[in-house]
PDB file of N, CA and C in Angstrom:
ATOM      1  N   UNK A   1       0.986  -1.421  -0.320  1.00  0.00           N
ATOM      2  CA  UNK A   1       0.377  -0.217   0.126  1.00  0.00           C
ATOM      3  C   UNK A   1       0.890   0.952  -0.012  1.00  0.00           C
ATOM      4  N   UNK A   2       0.354   2.289  -0.742  1.00  0.00           N
ATOM      5  CA  UNK A   2       1.532   3.683  -0.888  1.00  0.00           C
ATOM      6  C   UNK A   2       0.905   4.444   0.149  1.00  0.00           C
ATOM      7  N   UNK A   3       1.987   5.306   0.524  1.00  0.00           N
ATOM      8  CA  UNK A   3       1.576   6.078   1.525  1.00  0.00           C
ATOM      9  C   UNK A   3       0.400   7.166   0.825  1.00  0.00           C
ATOM     10  N   UNK A   4      -0.051   7.926   1.726  1.00  0.00           N
ATOM     11  CA  UNK A   4      -1.320   8.420   1.553  1.00  0.00           C
ATOM     12  C   UNK A   4      -1.008   9.950   0.406  1.00  0.00           C
ATOM     13  N   UNK A   5       0.359  10.708   0.826  1.00  0.00           N
ATOM     14  CA  UNK A   5       0.837  11.734   0.000  1.00  0.00           C
ATOM     15  C   UNK A   5       1.030  11.213  -1.255  1.00  0.00           C
ATOM     16  N   UNK A   6       1.789  10.029  -1.269  1.00  0.00           N
ATOM     17  CA  UNK A   6       2.201   9.703  -3.227  1.00  0.00           C
ATOM     18  C   UNK A   6       0.879   9.441  -3.642  1.00  0.00           C
ATOM     19  N   UNK A   7      -0.084   9.088  -3.349  1.00  0.00           N
ATOM     20  CA  UNK A   7      -1.399   8.801  -3.818  1.00  0.00           C
ATOM     21  C   UNK A   7      -1.830   9.774  -4.326  1.00  0.00           C
ATOM     22  N   UNK A   8      -2.020  10.823  -3.374  1.00  0.00           N
ATOM     23  CA  UNK A   8      -2.632  12.132  -3.456  1.00  0.00           C
ATOM     24  C   UNK A   8      -1.997  12.839  -4.722  1.00  0.00           C
ATOM     25  N   UNK A   9      -0.498  12.429  -4.552  1.00  0.00           N
ATOM     26  CA  UNK A   9       0.370  13.635  -5.421  1.00  0.00           C
ATOM     27  C   UNK A   9       0.044  12.879  -6.954  1.00  0.00           C
ATOM     28  N   UNK A  10      -0.003  11.460  -7.111  1.00  0.00           N
ATOM     29  CA  UNK A  10      -0.160  10.661  -8.274  1.00  0.00           C
ATOM     30  C   UNK A  10      -1.812  11.100  -8.902  1.00  0.00           C
ATOM     31  N   UNK A  11      -2.505  11.637  -7.501  1.00  0.00           N
ATOM     32  CA  UNK A  11      -3.945  12.048  -8.232  1.00  0.00           C
ATOM     33  C   UNK A  11      -3.995  13.474  -9.082  1.00  0.00           C
ATOM     34  N   UNK A  12      -2.952  14.012  -8.239  1.00  0.00           N
ATOM     35  CA  UNK A  12      -3.287  15.517  -8.885  1.00  0.00           C
ATOM     36  C   UNK A  12      -2.532  15.718 -10.111  1.00  0.00           C
ATOM     37  N   UNK A  13      -1.597  15.158 -10.440  1.00  0.00           N
ATOM     38  CA  UNK A  13      -0.858  14.953 -11.486  1.00  0.00           C
ATOM     39  C   UNK A  13      -1.814  14.541 -12.619  1.00  0.00           C
ATOM     40  N   UNK A  14      -2.254  13.229 -12.105  1.00  0.00           N
ATOM     41  CA  UNK A  14      -2.922  12.490 -13.282  1.00  0.00           C
ATOM     42  C   UNK A  14      -4.133  13.515 -13.626  1.00  0.00           C
ATOM     43  N   UNK A  15      -4.645  14.257 -12.479  1.00  0.00           N
ATOM     44  CA  UNK A  15      -5.733  15.084 -13.218  1.00  0.00           C
ATOM     45  C   UNK A  15      -5.690  16.236 -14.033  1.00  0.00           C
ATOM     46  N   UNK A  16      -4.055  17.028 -13.540  1.00  0.00           N
ATOM     47  CA  UNK A  16      -3.124  18.091 -14.367  1.00  0.00           C
ATOM     48  C   UNK A  16      -3.341  17.536 -15.854  1.00  0.00           C
ATOM     49  N   UNK A  17      -2.472  16.518 -16.225  1.00  0.00           N
ATOM     50  CA  UNK A  17      -2.619  15.569 -16.906  1.00  0.00           C
ATOM     51  C   UNK A  17      -4.049  15.177 -17.980  1.00  0.00           C
ATOM     52  N   UNK A  18      -4.702  14.852 -17.634  1.00  0.00           N
ATOM     53  CA  UNK A  18      -6.044  14.602 -18.341  1.00  0.00           C
ATOM     54  C   UNK A  18      -6.660  15.975 -18.368  1.00  0.00           C
ATOM     55  N   UNK A  19      -6.703  17.150 -17.895  1.00  0.00           N
ATOM     56  CA  UNK A  19      -7.235  18.460 -18.158  1.00  0.00           C
ATOM     57  C   UNK A  19      -6.164  19.130 -19.346  1.00  0.00           C
ATOM     58  N   UNK A  20      -5.132  18.827 -19.399  1.00  0.00           N
ATOM     59  CA  UNK A  20      -4.186  19.304 -20.401  1.00  0.00           C
ATOM     60  C   UNK A  20      -4.327  18.592 -21.623  1.00  0.00           C
ATOM     61  N   UNK A  21      -4.961  17.117 -21.780  1.00  0.00           N
ATOM     62  CA  UNK A  21      -4.783  16.256 -22.528  1.00  0.00           C
ATOM     63  C   UNK A  21      -6.573  16.302 -23.185  1.00  0.00           C
ATOM     64  N   UNK A  22      -7.741  16.893 -22.337  1.00  0.00           N
ATOM     65  CA  UNK A  22      -8.971  17.592 -22.992  1.00  0.00           C
ATOM     66  C   UNK A  22      -8.451  18.696 -23.364  1.00  0.00           C
ATOM     67  N   UNK A  23      -8.007  19.953 -22.825  1.00  0.00           N
ATOM     68  CA  UNK A  23      -7.833  21.069 -23.690  1.00  0.00           C
ATOM     69  C   UNK A  23      -7.375  20.951 -24.884  1.00  0.00           C
ATOM     70  N   UNK A  24      -6.115  20.034 -25.001  1.00  0.00           N
ATOM     71  CA  UNK A  24      -5.467  20.092 -26.586  1.00  0.00           C
ATOM     72  C   UNK A  24      -6.320  19.626 -27.449  1.00  0.00           C
ATOM     73  N   UNK A  25      -7.171  18.312 -27.292  1.00  0.00           N
ATOM     74  CA  UNK A  25      -8.187  17.788 -27.667  1.00  0.00           C
ATOM     75  C   UNK A  25      -9.352  18.974 -28.265  1.00  0.00           C
ATOM     76  N   UNK A  26      -9.828  19.449 -27.283  1.00  0.00           N
ATOM     77  CA  UNK A  26     -10.627  20.241 -27.672  1.00  0.00           C
ATOM     78  C   UNK A  26     -10.253  21.383 -28.743  1.00  0.00           C
ATOM     79  N   UNK A  27      -8.960  21.617 -28.417  1.00  0.00           N
ATOM     80  CA  UNK A  27      -8.393  22.967 -29.525  1.00  0.00           C
ATOM     81  C   UNK A  27      -8.215  22.273 -30.861  1.00  0.00           C
ATOM     82  N   UNK A  28      -8.134  20.577 -30.767  1.00  0.00           N
ATOM     83  CA  UNK A  28      -7.629  20.262 -32.217  1.00  0.00           C
ATOM     84  C   UNK A  28      -9.092  19.922 -32.810  1.00  0.00           C
ATOM     85  N   UNK A  29     -10.120  19.546 -31.862  1.00  0.00           N
ATOM     86  CA  UNK A  29     -11.253  19.136 -32.435  1.00  0.00           C
ATOM     87  C   UNK A  29     -11.790  20.509 -33.080  1.00  0.00           C
ATOM     88  N   UNK A  30     -11.735  21.166 -32.507  1.00  0.00           N
ATOM     89  CA  UNK A  30     -12.310  22.715 -32.892  1.00  0.00           C
ATOM     90  C   UNK A  30     -11.576  23.322 -34.267  1.00  0.00           C
ATOM     91  N   UNK A  31     -10.077  22.873 -34.356  1.00  0.00           N
ATOM     92  CA  UNK A  31      -9.310  23.264 -35.464  1.00  0.00           C
ATOM     93  C   UNK A  31     -10.232  22.826 -36.772  1.00  0.00           C
ATOM     94  N   UNK A  32     -10.205  21.384 -36.341  1.00  0.00           N
ATOM     95  CA  UNK A  32     -10.588  20.450 -37.519  1.00  0.00           C
ATOM     96  C   UNK A  32     -11.727  20.829 -37.950  1.00  0.00           C
ATOM     97  N   UNK A  33     -12.553  21.196 -37.065  1.00  0.00           N
ATOM     98  CA  UNK A  33     -14.276  21.252 -37.299  1.00  0.00           C
ATOM     99  C   UNK A  33     -14.151  22.856 -38.200  1.00  0.00           C
ATOM    100  N   UNK A  34     -13.450  23.713 -37.783  1.00  0.00           N
ATOM    101  CA  UNK A  34     -13.590  25.295 -38.724  1.00  0.00           C
ATOM    102  C   UNK A  34     -12.565  24.992 -40.224  1.00  0.00           C
ATOM    103  N   UNK A  35     -11.593  24.124 -39.866  1.00  0.00           N
ATOM    104  CA  UNK A  35     -10.701  24.249 -40.962  1.00  0.00           C
ATOM    105  C   UNK A  35     -11.553  23.870 -42.537  1.00  0.00           C
ATOM    106  N   UNK A  36     -12.320  22.963 -42.877  1.00  0.00           N
ATOM    107  CA  UNK A  36     -12.932  22.662 -44.077  1.00  0.00           C
ATOM    108  C   UNK A  36     -13.251  24.489 -44.645  1.00  0.00           C
ATOM    109  N   UNK A  37     -14.537  25.359 -43.448  1.00  0.00           N
ATOM    110  CA  UNK A  37     -14.902  26.254 -43.740  1.00  0.00           C
ATOM    111  C   UNK A  37     -14.638  27.148 -43.977  1.00  0.00           C
ATOM    112  N   UNK A  38     -12.852  27.438 -43.325  1.00  0.00           N
ATOM    113  CA  UNK A  38     -11.915  28.408 -43.659  1.00  0.00           C
ATOM    114  C   UNK A  38     -11.144  28.215 -45.078  1.00  0.00           C
ATOM    115  N   UNK A  39     -11.315  27.087 -45.634  1.00  0.00           N
ATOM    116  CA  UNK A  39     -10.508  26.657 -47.131  1.00  0.00           C
ATOM    117  C   UNK A  39     -11.470  27.065 -48.346  1.00  0.00           C
ATOM    118  N   UNK A  40     -12.470  26.151 -47.809  1.00  0.00           N
ATOM    119  CA  UNK A  40     -13.650  27.316 -48.662  1.00  0.00           C
ATOM    120  C   UNK A  40     -13.584  28.969 -49.078  1.00  0.00           C
TER     121      UNK A  40
END
């Protein structure tokens, strides 16, 4: 069993990474969605 601070730190880092990935994915998704209309 891992110490509590290690578990908390891992959870915080995991949450930050998940937020970063979600942010980048939304940016990429919106860019892909608007790209065809900008080309025309």
